[in-house]
Amino acid sequence: MKENFNGQILLPEENKVKNAIVFLHGYGANGEDLINIGQEWKQELTSTAFISPNAPFKCEWGVNAYQWFDLTSIAPEKIGEGLKKAGPYLTNLIEDIKREYSLVDSQIAFFGFSQGAMMGLYHLCKRKKSCAGLLAYSGLLFEDKEFENQVSSKFPVRIFHGKDDEVIHYENSLNSYNKLKKMGFSVDHHIQENLGHGIDRFGLEFGNDFLKKILKV
């Protein structure tokens, strides 16, 4: 995996890898954008591998900028096309992680921000086996006609969004929460006052608390 992997990996200093957290960054960022969260969380998650890949496609406007899919158009059909195009990359990444660290799906959690949250919400529930859980920050659940019929696994989801988000309106996360709850997911959410398109200290603690519970730390 390491030879083919493009991004950042933070491994436990001494302990064997017992679980993993995969960071899915936002549009125009890269694997370095979220790996610093792993630097902080590893103090308590001492047997966790933190894996932060670069998204598969380059952004033309930046040397070190990557995207899961093109966002020059926000038309629903274009977002759907982009999500489907990036899906095999995420699938292959998960299988590589399982092989590399001798893990199963239920030992791998995900943290998606913005476009990365869209990837997690759209694709992870279509896998045959459930992951450990998903943190979906500042994102949205994209639904097409086939979505609900394609859901084959359910897992804990925690949703976080800044109420002053100027990029993706926070109501998208409320809609995601309501949809997932209706479908039988174990899901909760928090809308943070006075926060834009980003993550604050409360958001980090909100996520860390969730991960300790689902990874049974």
N, C-alpha and C. Protein backbone atom coordinates (compact mmCIF):
# COMPACT_ATOMS: atom_id res chain seq x y z
N MET A 1 0.82 -1.20 0.00
CA MET A 1 0.00 0.00 0.00
C MET A 1 0.86 1.26 0.00
N LYS A 2 1.92 1.23 0.80
CA LYS A 2 2.72 2.44 0.99
C LYS A 2 3.35 2.91 -0.31
N GLU A 3 3.71 1.97 -1.18
CA GLU A 3 4.33 2.35 -2.45
C GLU A 3 3.33 3.08 -3.35
N ASN A 4 2.06 2.69 -3.27
CA ASN A 4 1.05 3.28 -4.15
C ASN A 4 0.26 4.39 -3.48
N PHE A 5 0.49 4.61 -2.19
CA PHE A 5 -0.32 5.55 -1.43
C PHE A 5 0.17 6.97 -1.61
N ASN A 6 -0.78 7.88 -1.82
CA ASN A 6 -0.47 9.29 -1.97
C ASN A 6 -1.17 10.05 -0.86
N GLY A 7 -0.40 10.47 0.15
CA GLY A 7 -1.01 11.16 1.28
C GLY A 7 -0.15 11.04 2.52
N GLN A 8 -0.82 11.08 3.69
CA GLN A 8 -0.13 11.06 4.96
C GLN A 8 -0.62 9.90 5.81
N ILE A 9 0.33 9.24 6.51
CA ILE A 9 -0.01 8.15 7.42
C ILE A 9 0.69 8.38 8.76
N LEU A 10 -0.07 8.24 9.83
CA LEU A 10 0.47 8.39 11.18
C LEU A 10 0.20 7.09 11.93
N LEU A 11 1.26 6.36 12.27
CA LEU A 11 1.11 5.05 12.90
C LEU A 11 1.38 5.12 14.40
N PRO A 12 0.84 4.16 15.17
CA PRO A 12 1.14 4.12 16.60
C PRO A 12 2.64 3.98 16.82
N GLU A 13 3.13 4.58 17.89
CA GLU A 13 4.57 4.56 18.14
C GLU A 13 5.07 3.19 18.56
N GLU A 14 4.28 2.48 19.36
CA GLU A 14 4.73 1.18 19.84
C GLU A 14 3.68 0.08 19.63
N ASN A 15 2.44 0.40 19.89
CA ASN A 15 1.39 -0.62 19.88
C ASN A 15 1.06 -1.10 18.47
N LYS A 16 0.58 -2.31 18.40
CA LYS A 16 0.09 -2.85 17.13
C LYS A 16 -1.16 -2.08 16.69
N VAL A 17 -1.33 -1.94 15.39
CA VAL A 17 -2.51 -1.26 14.86
C VAL A 17 -3.75 -2.12 15.12
N LYS A 18 -4.68 -1.58 15.92
CA LYS A 18 -5.91 -2.31 16.22
C LYS A 18 -7.11 -1.72 15.49
N ASN A 19 -6.97 -0.51 15.00
CA ASN A 19 -8.03 0.13 14.23
C ASN A 19 -7.44 1.28 13.44
N ALA A 20 -8.26 1.86 12.58
CA ALA A 20 -7.78 2.96 11.74
C ALA A 20 -8.85 4.02 11.60
N ILE A 21 -8.40 5.25 11.43
CA ILE A 21 -9.28 6.37 11.09
C ILE A 21 -8.80 6.94 9.77
N VAL A 22 -9.71 7.02 8.81
CA VAL A 22 -9.38 7.53 7.48
C VAL A 22 -9.98 8.92 7.33
N PHE A 23 -9.12 9.89 7.04
CA PHE A 23 -9.56 11.27 6.82
C PHE A 23 -9.83 11.49 5.33
N LEU A 24 -10.98 12.06 5.03
CA LEU A 24 -11.34 12.40 3.65
C LEU A 24 -11.47 13.92 3.58
N HIS A 25 -10.48 14.55 2.97
CA HIS A 25 -10.40 16.02 3.01
C HIS A 25 -11.39 16.69 2.06
N GLY A 26 -11.45 17.99 2.17
CA GLY A 26 -12.37 18.78 1.36
C GLY A 26 -11.78 19.20 0.02
N TYR A 27 -12.59 19.84 -0.77
CA TYR A 27 -12.23 20.27 -2.12
C TYR A 27 -11.02 21.21 -2.10
N GLY A 28 -10.02 20.91 -2.91
CA GLY A 28 -8.86 21.78 -3.05
C GLY A 28 -7.82 21.64 -1.96
N ALA A 29 -8.02 20.72 -1.01
CA ALA A 29 -7.05 20.50 0.06
C ALA A 29 -6.20 19.27 -0.28
N ASN A 30 -5.59 18.68 0.74
CA ASN A 30 -4.79 17.46 0.53
C ASN A 30 -4.68 16.71 1.84
N GLY A 31 -3.95 15.61 1.83
CA GLY A 31 -3.86 14.77 3.01
C GLY A 31 -3.28 15.45 4.23
N GLU A 32 -2.46 16.48 4.02
CA GLU A 32 -1.87 17.20 5.15
C GLU A 32 -2.91 18.02 5.91
N ASP A 33 -4.02 18.31 5.27
CA ASP A 33 -5.01 19.23 5.83
C ASP A 33 -5.62 18.70 7.12
N LEU A 34 -5.82 17.38 7.21
CA LEU A 34 -6.50 16.81 8.37
C LEU A 34 -5.60 15.94 9.24
N ILE A 35 -4.41 15.59 8.77
CA ILE A 35 -3.58 14.66 9.54
C ILE A 35 -3.16 15.25 10.88
N ASN A 36 -3.14 16.58 10.99
CA ASN A 36 -2.79 17.20 12.28
C ASN A 36 -3.80 16.86 13.36
N ILE A 37 -5.04 16.58 12.96
CA ILE A 37 -6.03 16.14 13.94
C ILE A 37 -5.60 14.80 14.53
N GLY A 38 -5.06 13.94 13.68
CA GLY A 38 -4.53 12.67 14.16
C GLY A 38 -3.39 12.85 15.14
N GLN A 39 -2.55 13.85 14.90
CA GLN A 39 -1.45 14.14 15.82
C GLN A 39 -1.98 14.42 17.22
N GLU A 40 -3.12 15.07 17.29
CA GLU A 40 -3.73 15.39 18.58
C GLU A 40 -4.45 14.18 19.17
N TRP A 41 -5.20 13.48 18.35
CA TRP A 41 -6.01 12.37 18.85
C TRP A 41 -5.20 11.14 19.21
N LYS A 42 -4.00 11.02 18.69
CA LYS A 42 -3.23 9.79 18.96
C LYS A 42 -2.83 9.66 20.42
N GLN A 43 -2.92 10.76 21.18
CA GLN A 43 -2.59 10.69 22.60
C GLN A 43 -3.53 9.74 23.34
N GLU A 44 -4.79 9.69 22.91
CA GLU A 44 -5.77 8.80 23.54
C GLU A 44 -6.05 7.56 22.69
N LEU A 45 -5.95 7.69 21.39
CA LEU A 45 -6.18 6.56 20.48
C LEU A 45 -4.82 5.95 20.14
N THR A 46 -4.26 5.26 21.11
CA THR A 46 -2.85 4.87 21.03
C THR A 46 -2.58 3.68 20.12
N SER A 47 -3.63 2.97 19.71
CA SER A 47 -3.44 1.81 18.82
C SER A 47 -4.04 2.05 17.44
N THR A 48 -4.22 3.32 17.11
CA THR A 48 -4.92 3.70 15.87
C THR A 48 -3.95 4.17 14.80
N ALA A 49 -4.17 3.71 13.59
CA ALA A 49 -3.47 4.26 12.42
C ALA A 49 -4.34 5.38 11.85
N PHE A 50 -3.75 6.55 11.66
CA PHE A 50 -4.45 7.69 11.06
C PHE A 50 -3.99 7.81 9.61
N ILE A 51 -4.92 7.71 8.71
CA ILE A 51 -4.59 7.64 7.28
C ILE A 51 -5.32 8.76 6.55
N SER A 52 -4.55 9.61 5.90
CA SER A 52 -5.13 10.80 5.27
C SER A 52 -4.68 10.89 3.81
N PRO A 53 -5.42 10.26 2.92
CA PRO A 53 -5.02 10.25 1.50
C PRO A 53 -5.29 11.57 0.80
N ASN A 54 -4.51 11.85 -0.23
CA ASN A 54 -4.90 12.89 -1.17
C ASN A 54 -6.04 12.34 -2.02
N ALA A 55 -7.02 13.17 -2.30
CA ALA A 55 -8.09 12.76 -3.21
C ALA A 55 -7.49 12.40 -4.57
N PRO A 56 -8.17 11.62 -5.37
CA PRO A 56 -7.55 11.06 -6.58
C PRO A 56 -7.30 12.03 -7.72
N PHE A 57 -7.93 13.21 -7.71
CA PHE A 57 -7.81 14.10 -8.87
C PHE A 57 -7.22 15.46 -8.46
N LYS A 58 -6.36 15.98 -9.31
CA LYS A 58 -5.73 17.28 -9.04
C LYS A 58 -6.69 18.41 -9.37
N CYS A 59 -6.54 19.50 -8.62
CA CYS A 59 -7.22 20.76 -8.96
C CYS A 59 -6.26 21.57 -9.83
N GLU A 60 -6.75 22.10 -10.92
CA GLU A 60 -5.89 22.80 -11.87
C GLU A 60 -5.25 24.05 -11.27
N TRP A 61 -5.92 24.65 -10.28
CA TRP A 61 -5.44 25.93 -9.78
C TRP A 61 -4.41 25.83 -8.66
N GLY A 62 -4.03 24.62 -8.25
CA GLY A 62 -3.05 24.51 -7.18
C GLY A 62 -2.14 23.32 -7.35
N VAL A 63 -0.85 23.51 -7.05
CA VAL A 63 0.13 22.43 -7.20
C VAL A 63 -0.18 21.29 -6.24
N ASN A 64 -0.57 21.62 -5.02
CA ASN A 64 -0.83 20.60 -4.02
C ASN A 64 -2.30 20.55 -3.63
N ALA A 65 -3.16 20.83 -4.59
CA ALA A 65 -4.60 20.86 -4.35
C ALA A 65 -5.26 19.68 -5.06
N TYR A 66 -6.10 18.96 -4.31
CA TYR A 66 -6.75 17.76 -4.83
C TYR A 66 -8.26 17.83 -4.64
N GLN A 67 -8.96 17.02 -5.42
CA GLN A 67 -10.42 16.98 -5.34
C GLN A 67 -10.91 15.55 -5.51
N TRP A 68 -12.01 15.24 -4.83
CA TRP A 68 -12.67 13.95 -5.04
C TRP A 68 -13.46 13.99 -6.34
N PHE A 69 -13.99 15.17 -6.65
CA PHE A 69 -14.68 15.37 -7.92
C PHE A 69 -14.75 16.85 -8.21
N ASP A 70 -14.97 17.17 -9.46
CA ASP A 70 -14.99 18.55 -9.93
C ASP A 70 -16.20 19.30 -9.36
N LEU A 71 -15.96 20.53 -8.94
CA LEU A 71 -17.05 21.34 -8.40
C LEU A 71 -17.25 22.64 -9.19
N THR A 72 -16.83 22.63 -10.44
CA THR A 72 -17.08 23.83 -11.26
C THR A 72 -18.57 23.98 -11.52
N SER A 73 -19.30 22.87 -11.42
CA SER A 73 -20.76 22.92 -11.51
C SER A 73 -21.34 22.24 -10.27
N ILE A 74 -22.32 22.90 -9.62
CA ILE A 74 -22.95 22.31 -8.45
C ILE A 74 -24.32 21.73 -8.80
N ALA A 75 -24.56 21.55 -10.10
CA ALA A 75 -25.80 20.89 -10.52
C ALA A 75 -25.83 19.48 -9.95
N PRO A 76 -26.97 19.04 -9.42
CA PRO A 76 -27.05 17.71 -8.78
C PRO A 76 -26.53 16.58 -9.66
N GLU A 77 -26.84 16.62 -10.96
CA GLU A 77 -26.39 15.51 -11.81
C GLU A 77 -24.87 15.48 -11.93
N LYS A 78 -24.23 16.66 -11.88
CA LYS A 78 -22.77 16.71 -11.95
C LYS A 78 -22.14 16.20 -10.66
N ILE A 79 -22.73 16.56 -9.53
CA ILE A 79 -22.23 16.05 -8.25
C ILE A 79 -22.37 14.53 -8.21
N GLY A 80 -23.52 14.02 -8.67
CA GLY A 80 -23.73 12.58 -8.71
C GLY A 80 -22.71 11.87 -9.58
N GLU A 81 -22.42 12.44 -10.74
CA GLU A 81 -21.42 11.85 -11.63
C GLU A 81 -20.05 11.82 -10.95
N GLY A 82 -19.72 12.92 -10.27
CA GLY A 82 -18.42 13.01 -9.60
C GLY A 82 -18.28 12.01 -8.47
N LEU A 83 -19.33 11.88 -7.67
CA LEU A 83 -19.29 10.92 -6.57
C LEU A 83 -19.09 9.49 -7.08
N LYS A 84 -19.79 9.15 -8.14
CA LYS A 84 -19.68 7.80 -8.69
C LYS A 84 -18.30 7.56 -9.29
N LYS A 85 -17.72 8.57 -9.91
CA LYS A 85 -16.40 8.43 -10.51
C LYS A 85 -15.33 8.20 -9.44
N ALA A 86 -15.49 8.85 -8.29
CA ALA A 86 -14.49 8.73 -7.22
C ALA A 86 -14.71 7.48 -6.37
N GLY A 87 -15.87 6.85 -6.48
CA GLY A 87 -16.19 5.71 -5.63
C GLY A 87 -15.19 4.57 -5.66
N PRO A 88 -14.75 4.11 -6.85
CA PRO A 88 -13.80 3.00 -6.89
C PRO A 88 -12.49 3.31 -6.17
N TYR A 89 -12.07 4.57 -6.21
CA TYR A 89 -10.84 4.94 -5.50
C TYR A 89 -11.00 4.70 -4.01
N LEU A 90 -12.13 5.12 -3.45
CA LEU A 90 -12.36 4.93 -2.02
C LEU A 90 -12.45 3.44 -1.69
N THR A 91 -13.12 2.68 -2.53
CA THR A 91 -13.23 1.24 -2.32
C THR A 91 -11.86 0.58 -2.30
N ASN A 92 -11.02 0.91 -3.25
CA ASN A 92 -9.68 0.32 -3.32
C ASN A 92 -8.83 0.73 -2.12
N LEU A 93 -8.97 1.97 -1.69
CA LEU A 93 -8.23 2.45 -0.53
C LEU A 93 -8.59 1.63 0.70
N ILE A 94 -9.89 1.42 0.92
CA ILE A 94 -10.33 0.66 2.09
C ILE A 94 -9.78 -0.76 2.05
N GLU A 95 -9.82 -1.39 0.90
CA GLU A 95 -9.31 -2.76 0.78
C GLU A 95 -7.80 -2.80 1.02
N ASP A 96 -7.08 -1.80 0.54
CA ASP A 96 -5.64 -1.72 0.78
C ASP A 96 -5.34 -1.59 2.28
N ILE A 97 -6.11 -0.76 2.96
CA ILE A 97 -5.91 -0.56 4.40
C ILE A 97 -6.18 -1.86 5.15
N LYS A 98 -7.22 -2.56 4.77
CA LYS A 98 -7.55 -3.82 5.44
C LYS A 98 -6.41 -4.83 5.27
N ARG A 99 -5.86 -4.92 4.08
CA ARG A 99 -4.77 -5.86 3.83
C ARG A 99 -3.49 -5.44 4.58
N GLU A 100 -3.17 -4.16 4.48
CA GLU A 100 -1.91 -3.66 5.05
C GLU A 100 -1.85 -3.85 6.56
N TYR A 101 -2.95 -3.60 7.24
CA TYR A 101 -2.93 -3.60 8.71
C TYR A 101 -3.75 -4.74 9.32
N SER A 102 -4.17 -5.69 8.50
CA SER A 102 -4.93 -6.87 8.96
C SER A 102 -6.16 -6.45 9.76
N LEU A 103 -6.94 -5.56 9.17
CA LEU A 103 -8.15 -5.05 9.80
C LEU A 103 -9.38 -5.52 9.03
N VAL A 104 -10.53 -5.45 9.68
CA VAL A 104 -11.81 -5.69 9.02
C VAL A 104 -12.57 -4.37 8.99
N ASP A 105 -13.64 -4.32 8.23
CA ASP A 105 -14.38 -3.07 8.04
C ASP A 105 -14.79 -2.43 9.37
N SER A 106 -15.21 -3.24 10.31
CA SER A 106 -15.72 -2.71 11.59
C SER A 106 -14.63 -2.11 12.46
N GLN A 107 -13.37 -2.22 12.03
CA GLN A 107 -12.26 -1.60 12.76
C GLN A 107 -11.78 -0.30 12.11
N ILE A 108 -12.50 0.15 11.09
CA ILE A 108 -12.09 1.35 10.35
C ILE A 108 -13.19 2.41 10.45
N ALA A 109 -12.82 3.58 10.98
CA ALA A 109 -13.73 4.72 11.07
C ALA A 109 -13.30 5.79 10.07
N PHE A 110 -14.22 6.69 9.76
CA PHE A 110 -13.95 7.72 8.75
C PHE A 110 -14.31 9.10 9.29
N PHE A 111 -13.50 10.06 8.87
CA PHE A 111 -13.75 11.47 9.18
C PHE A 111 -13.75 12.21 7.85
N GLY A 112 -14.91 12.68 7.44
CA GLY A 112 -15.01 13.41 6.17
C GLY A 112 -15.36 14.87 6.41
N PHE A 113 -14.63 15.75 5.75
CA PHE A 113 -14.93 17.18 5.83
C PHE A 113 -15.38 17.69 4.46
N SER A 114 -16.53 18.34 4.43
CA SER A 114 -17.05 18.99 3.23
C SER A 114 -17.23 17.96 2.10
N GLN A 115 -16.44 18.07 1.04
CA GLN A 115 -16.54 17.11 -0.06
C GLN A 115 -16.23 15.69 0.42
N GLY A 116 -15.30 15.56 1.36
CA GLY A 116 -14.98 14.26 1.94
C GLY A 116 -16.15 13.67 2.71
N ALA A 117 -16.92 14.53 3.40
CA ALA A 117 -18.13 14.06 4.09
C ALA A 117 -19.16 13.56 3.09
N MET A 118 -19.27 14.24 1.96
CA MET A 118 -20.18 13.79 0.91
C MET A 118 -19.79 12.41 0.41
N MET A 119 -18.50 12.19 0.26
CA MET A 119 -18.01 10.87 -0.17
C MET A 119 -18.39 9.79 0.84
N GLY A 120 -18.15 10.06 2.11
CA GLY A 120 -18.44 9.07 3.13
C GLY A 120 -19.92 8.77 3.24
N LEU A 121 -20.74 9.81 3.24
CA LEU A 121 -22.19 9.63 3.39
C LEU A 121 -22.79 8.87 2.20
N TYR A 122 -22.25 9.11 1.01
CA TYR A 122 -22.82 8.50 -0.19
C TYR A 122 -22.36 7.06 -0.39
N HIS A 123 -21.09 6.77 -0.06
CA HIS A 123 -20.51 5.48 -0.45
C HIS A 123 -20.45 4.43 0.66
N LEU A 124 -20.18 4.81 1.89
CA LEU A 124 -19.88 3.82 2.92
C LEU A 124 -21.07 2.92 3.22
N CYS A 125 -22.28 3.46 3.15
CA CYS A 125 -23.46 2.65 3.46
C CYS A 125 -23.79 1.66 2.34
N LYS A 126 -23.11 1.77 1.21
CA LYS A 126 -23.35 0.84 0.12
C LYS A 126 -22.43 -0.38 0.18
N ARG A 127 -21.49 -0.34 1.12
CA ARG A 127 -20.60 -1.49 1.29
C ARG A 127 -21.36 -2.62 2.01
N LYS A 128 -20.99 -3.86 1.71
CA LYS A 128 -21.70 -5.00 2.28
C LYS A 128 -21.50 -5.09 3.78
N LYS A 129 -20.31 -4.70 4.25
CA LYS A 129 -20.01 -4.77 5.68
C LYS A 129 -19.89 -3.36 6.25
N SER A 130 -20.37 -3.20 7.47
CA SER A 130 -20.39 -1.88 8.10
C SER A 130 -19.00 -1.47 8.58
N CYS A 131 -18.68 -0.20 8.38
CA CYS A 131 -17.48 0.36 8.98
C CYS A 131 -17.77 0.65 10.46
N ALA A 132 -16.75 1.10 11.19
CA ALA A 132 -16.93 1.40 12.62
C ALA A 132 -17.84 2.60 12.82
N GLY A 133 -17.75 3.58 11.92
CA GLY A 133 -18.58 4.78 12.03
C GLY A 133 -18.04 5.90 11.16
N LEU A 134 -18.82 6.97 11.07
CA LEU A 134 -18.48 8.10 10.20
C LEU A 134 -18.74 9.41 10.92
N LEU A 135 -17.73 10.27 10.91
CA LEU A 135 -17.89 11.67 11.29
C LEU A 135 -18.05 12.46 9.99
N ALA A 136 -19.17 13.14 9.85
CA ALA A 136 -19.45 13.90 8.62
C ALA A 136 -19.55 15.38 8.98
N TYR A 137 -18.52 16.14 8.62
CA TYR A 137 -18.43 17.55 9.00
C TYR A 137 -18.64 18.45 7.78
N SER A 138 -19.55 19.39 7.92
CA SER A 138 -19.77 20.43 6.91
C SER A 138 -20.07 19.86 5.53
N GLY A 139 -20.84 18.80 5.49
CA GLY A 139 -21.12 18.14 4.22
C GLY A 139 -22.61 18.04 3.93
N LEU A 140 -22.95 17.07 3.10
CA LEU A 140 -24.35 16.80 2.78
C LEU A 140 -24.47 15.38 2.26
N LEU A 141 -25.68 14.84 2.38
CA LEU A 141 -25.98 13.51 1.84
C LEU A 141 -26.61 13.69 0.47
N PHE A 142 -25.88 13.26 -0.57
CA PHE A 142 -26.41 13.34 -1.93
C PHE A 142 -27.27 12.11 -2.19
N GLU A 143 -28.49 12.35 -2.63
CA GLU A 143 -29.40 11.24 -2.92
C GLU A 143 -29.79 11.25 -4.39
N ASP A 144 -29.62 10.11 -5.02
CA ASP A 144 -30.17 9.92 -6.35
C ASP A 144 -31.29 8.88 -6.26
N LYS A 145 -31.89 8.54 -7.35
CA LYS A 145 -33.05 7.65 -7.33
C LYS A 145 -32.74 6.28 -6.75
N GLU A 146 -31.50 5.83 -6.95
CA GLU A 146 -31.15 4.48 -6.52
C GLU A 146 -30.63 4.42 -5.09
N PHE A 147 -30.37 5.59 -4.48
CA PHE A 147 -29.60 5.61 -3.23
C PHE A 147 -30.18 4.70 -2.16
N GLU A 148 -31.42 4.90 -1.81
CA GLU A 148 -32.00 4.17 -0.68
C GLU A 148 -32.01 2.66 -0.92
N ASN A 149 -32.23 2.25 -2.16
CA ASN A 149 -32.25 0.82 -2.47
C ASN A 149 -30.86 0.20 -2.45
N GLN A 150 -29.82 1.05 -2.53
CA GLN A 150 -28.45 0.54 -2.56
C GLN A 150 -27.81 0.44 -1.18
N VAL A 151 -28.48 0.96 -0.17
CA VAL A 151 -27.93 0.91 1.18
C VAL A 151 -27.95 -0.53 1.69
N SER A 152 -26.77 -1.03 2.06
CA SER A 152 -26.69 -2.43 2.51
C SER A 152 -26.00 -2.56 3.86
N SER A 153 -25.51 -1.47 4.44
CA SER A 153 -24.92 -1.54 5.77
C SER A 153 -25.21 -0.24 6.52
N LYS A 154 -25.35 -0.38 7.84
CA LYS A 154 -25.62 0.79 8.68
C LYS A 154 -24.63 0.82 9.83
N PHE A 155 -24.27 2.00 10.24
CA PHE A 155 -23.21 2.20 11.23
C PHE A 155 -23.46 3.54 11.94
N PRO A 156 -22.81 3.78 13.06
CA PRO A 156 -22.99 5.06 13.75
C PRO A 156 -22.47 6.24 12.92
N VAL A 157 -23.23 7.33 12.94
CA VAL A 157 -22.85 8.55 12.21
C VAL A 157 -23.01 9.74 13.15
N ARG A 158 -22.01 10.60 13.16
CA ARG A 158 -22.10 11.86 13.91
C ARG A 158 -21.86 13.01 12.93
N ILE A 159 -22.79 13.95 12.94
CA ILE A 159 -22.78 15.06 11.97
C ILE A 159 -22.51 16.38 12.70
N PHE A 160 -21.65 17.18 12.11
CA PHE A 160 -21.28 18.48 12.70
C PHE A 160 -21.25 19.53 11.60
N HIS A 161 -21.76 20.74 11.92
CA HIS A 161 -21.79 21.79 10.89
C HIS A 161 -21.81 23.16 11.56
N GLY A 162 -21.08 24.10 11.01
CA GLY A 162 -21.13 25.47 11.48
C GLY A 162 -22.38 26.17 10.97
N LYS A 163 -23.06 26.87 11.85
CA LYS A 163 -24.31 27.52 11.46
C LYS A 163 -24.08 28.67 10.48
N ASP A 164 -22.87 29.24 10.49
CA ASP A 164 -22.55 30.35 9.60
C ASP A 164 -21.77 29.89 8.36
N ASP A 165 -21.85 28.60 8.04
CA ASP A 165 -21.12 28.07 6.88
C ASP A 165 -21.55 28.78 5.61
N GLU A 166 -20.58 29.38 4.93
CA GLU A 166 -20.84 30.15 3.72
C GLU A 166 -20.65 29.32 2.45
N VAL A 167 -20.21 28.08 2.60
CA VAL A 167 -19.94 27.21 1.44
C VAL A 167 -21.05 26.18 1.26
N ILE A 168 -21.34 25.44 2.32
CA ILE A 168 -22.43 24.45 2.31
C ILE A 168 -23.37 24.79 3.48
N HIS A 169 -24.59 25.12 3.18
CA HIS A 169 -25.52 25.58 4.20
C HIS A 169 -25.76 24.48 5.24
N TYR A 170 -25.83 24.89 6.51
CA TYR A 170 -25.97 23.92 7.59
C TYR A 170 -27.25 23.09 7.50
N GLU A 171 -28.27 23.62 6.82
CA GLU A 171 -29.51 22.85 6.69
C GLU A 171 -29.29 21.54 5.94
N ASN A 172 -28.23 21.48 5.13
CA ASN A 172 -27.91 20.22 4.45
C ASN A 172 -27.59 19.12 5.46
N SER A 173 -26.92 19.49 6.55
CA SER A 173 -26.61 18.50 7.58
C SER A 173 -27.85 18.10 8.37
N LEU A 174 -28.75 19.04 8.58
CA LEU A 174 -30.02 18.69 9.24
C LEU A 174 -30.81 17.71 8.37
N ASN A 175 -30.82 17.98 7.07
CA ASN A 175 -31.50 17.06 6.14
C ASN A 175 -30.85 15.68 6.15
N SER A 176 -29.51 15.67 6.20
CA SER A 176 -28.79 14.39 6.25
C SER A 176 -29.16 13.62 7.51
N TYR A 177 -29.18 14.32 8.63
CA TYR A 177 -29.52 13.69 9.91
C TYR A 177 -30.93 13.09 9.86
N ASN A 178 -31.88 13.87 9.38
CA ASN A 178 -33.27 13.39 9.33
C ASN A 178 -33.43 12.19 8.42
N LYS A 179 -32.74 12.22 7.28
CA LYS A 179 -32.83 11.10 6.33
C LYS A 179 -32.23 9.83 6.92
N LEU A 180 -31.04 9.95 7.50
CA LEU A 180 -30.37 8.77 8.05
C LEU A 180 -31.15 8.20 9.24
N LYS A 181 -31.69 9.06 10.07
CA LYS A 181 -32.49 8.60 11.21
C LYS A 181 -33.72 7.84 10.72
N LYS A 182 -34.36 8.38 9.69
CA LYS A 182 -35.54 7.72 9.11
C LYS A 182 -35.18 6.35 8.55
N MET A 183 -33.96 6.21 8.06
CA MET A 183 -33.53 4.95 7.48
C MET A 183 -33.02 3.96 8.52
N GLY A 184 -32.98 4.37 9.78
CA GLY A 184 -32.60 3.44 10.84
C GLY A 184 -31.15 3.49 11.28
N PHE A 185 -30.42 4.52 10.87
CA PHE A 185 -29.03 4.68 11.32
C PHE A 185 -29.01 5.19 12.76
N SER A 186 -27.98 4.83 13.50
CA SER A 186 -27.69 5.46 14.78
C SER A 186 -26.95 6.76 14.47
N VAL A 187 -27.63 7.89 14.60
CA VAL A 187 -27.06 9.16 14.14
C VAL A 187 -27.40 10.28 15.11
N ASP A 188 -26.42 11.15 15.34
CA ASP A 188 -26.70 12.38 16.07
C ASP A 188 -26.02 13.54 15.35
N HIS A 189 -26.28 14.77 15.81
CA HIS A 189 -25.74 15.93 15.10
C HIS A 189 -25.57 17.10 16.05
N HIS A 190 -24.76 18.05 15.61
CA HIS A 190 -24.60 19.31 16.33
C HIS A 190 -24.38 20.43 15.32
N ILE A 191 -25.15 21.49 15.46
CA ILE A 191 -24.96 22.70 14.65
C ILE A 191 -24.29 23.74 15.54
N GLN A 192 -23.09 24.15 15.17
CA GLN A 192 -22.29 25.03 16.02
C GLN A 192 -22.52 26.50 15.67
N GLU A 193 -22.94 27.26 16.67
CA GLU A 193 -23.15 28.70 16.49
C GLU A 193 -21.83 29.41 16.21
N ASN A 194 -21.91 30.48 15.43
CA ASN A 194 -20.75 31.36 15.17
C ASN A 194 -19.55 30.63 14.56
N LEU A 195 -19.85 29.66 13.71
CA LEU A 195 -18.77 28.94 13.01
C LEU A 195 -19.12 28.85 11.54
N GLY A 196 -18.12 29.12 10.69
CA GLY A 196 -18.30 29.03 9.25
C GLY A 196 -17.92 27.64 8.74
N HIS A 197 -17.28 27.61 7.58
CA HIS A 197 -16.92 26.34 6.95
C HIS A 197 -15.59 25.86 7.53
N GLY A 198 -15.68 25.24 8.70
CA GLY A 198 -14.46 24.81 9.36
C GLY A 198 -14.75 23.97 10.59
N ILE A 199 -13.71 23.72 11.37
CA ILE A 199 -13.80 22.89 12.57
C ILE A 199 -13.18 23.66 13.73
N ASP A 200 -13.90 23.76 14.83
CA ASP A 200 -13.37 24.46 16.00
C ASP A 200 -13.02 23.45 17.09
N ARG A 201 -12.62 23.97 18.26
CA ARG A 201 -12.21 23.11 19.36
C ARG A 201 -13.35 22.18 19.81
N PHE A 202 -14.55 22.72 19.91
CA PHE A 202 -15.68 21.87 20.29
C PHE A 202 -15.88 20.76 19.27
N GLY A 203 -15.76 21.09 17.99
CA GLY A 203 -15.94 20.10 16.94
C GLY A 203 -14.94 18.96 17.05
N LEU A 204 -13.69 19.27 17.41
CA LEU A 204 -12.68 18.24 17.59
C LEU A 204 -13.01 17.34 18.78
N GLU A 205 -13.45 17.94 19.87
CA GLU A 205 -13.81 17.15 21.04
C GLU A 205 -15.06 16.30 20.77
N PHE A 206 -15.99 16.87 20.02
CA PHE A 206 -17.21 16.16 19.62
C PHE A 206 -16.85 14.91 18.81
N GLY A 207 -15.88 15.04 17.93
CA GLY A 207 -15.43 13.91 17.12
C GLY A 207 -14.63 12.90 17.91
N ASN A 208 -13.74 13.39 18.77
CA ASN A 208 -12.89 12.49 19.56
C ASN A 208 -13.74 11.64 20.50
N ASP A 209 -14.75 12.24 21.09
CA ASP A 209 -15.66 11.52 21.98
C ASP A 209 -16.36 10.38 21.24
N PHE A 210 -16.81 10.66 20.03
CA PHE A 210 -17.49 9.67 19.19
C PHE A 210 -16.55 8.51 18.86
N LEU A 211 -15.33 8.84 18.47
CA LEU A 211 -14.39 7.80 18.06
C LEU A 211 -14.00 6.90 19.23
N LYS A 212 -13.82 7.47 20.40
CA LYS A 212 -13.49 6.65 21.58
C LYS A 212 -14.61 5.67 21.89
N LYS A 213 -15.85 6.08 21.65
CA LYS A 213 -16.99 5.20 21.91
C LYS A 213 -17.07 4.07 20.88
N ILE A 214 -16.98 4.42 19.60
CA ILE A 214 -17.18 3.39 18.58
C ILE A 214 -15.98 2.46 18.45
N LEU A 215 -14.78 2.97 18.79
CA LEU A 215 -13.59 2.13 18.74
C LEU A 215 -13.31 1.47 20.08
N LYS A 216 -14.20 1.75 21.05
CA LYS A 216 -14.15 1.12 22.37
C LYS A 216 -12.81 1.34 23.06
N VAL A 217 -12.38 2.59 23.06
CA VAL A 217 -11.12 2.96 23.71
C VAL A 217 -11.40 3.36 25.16
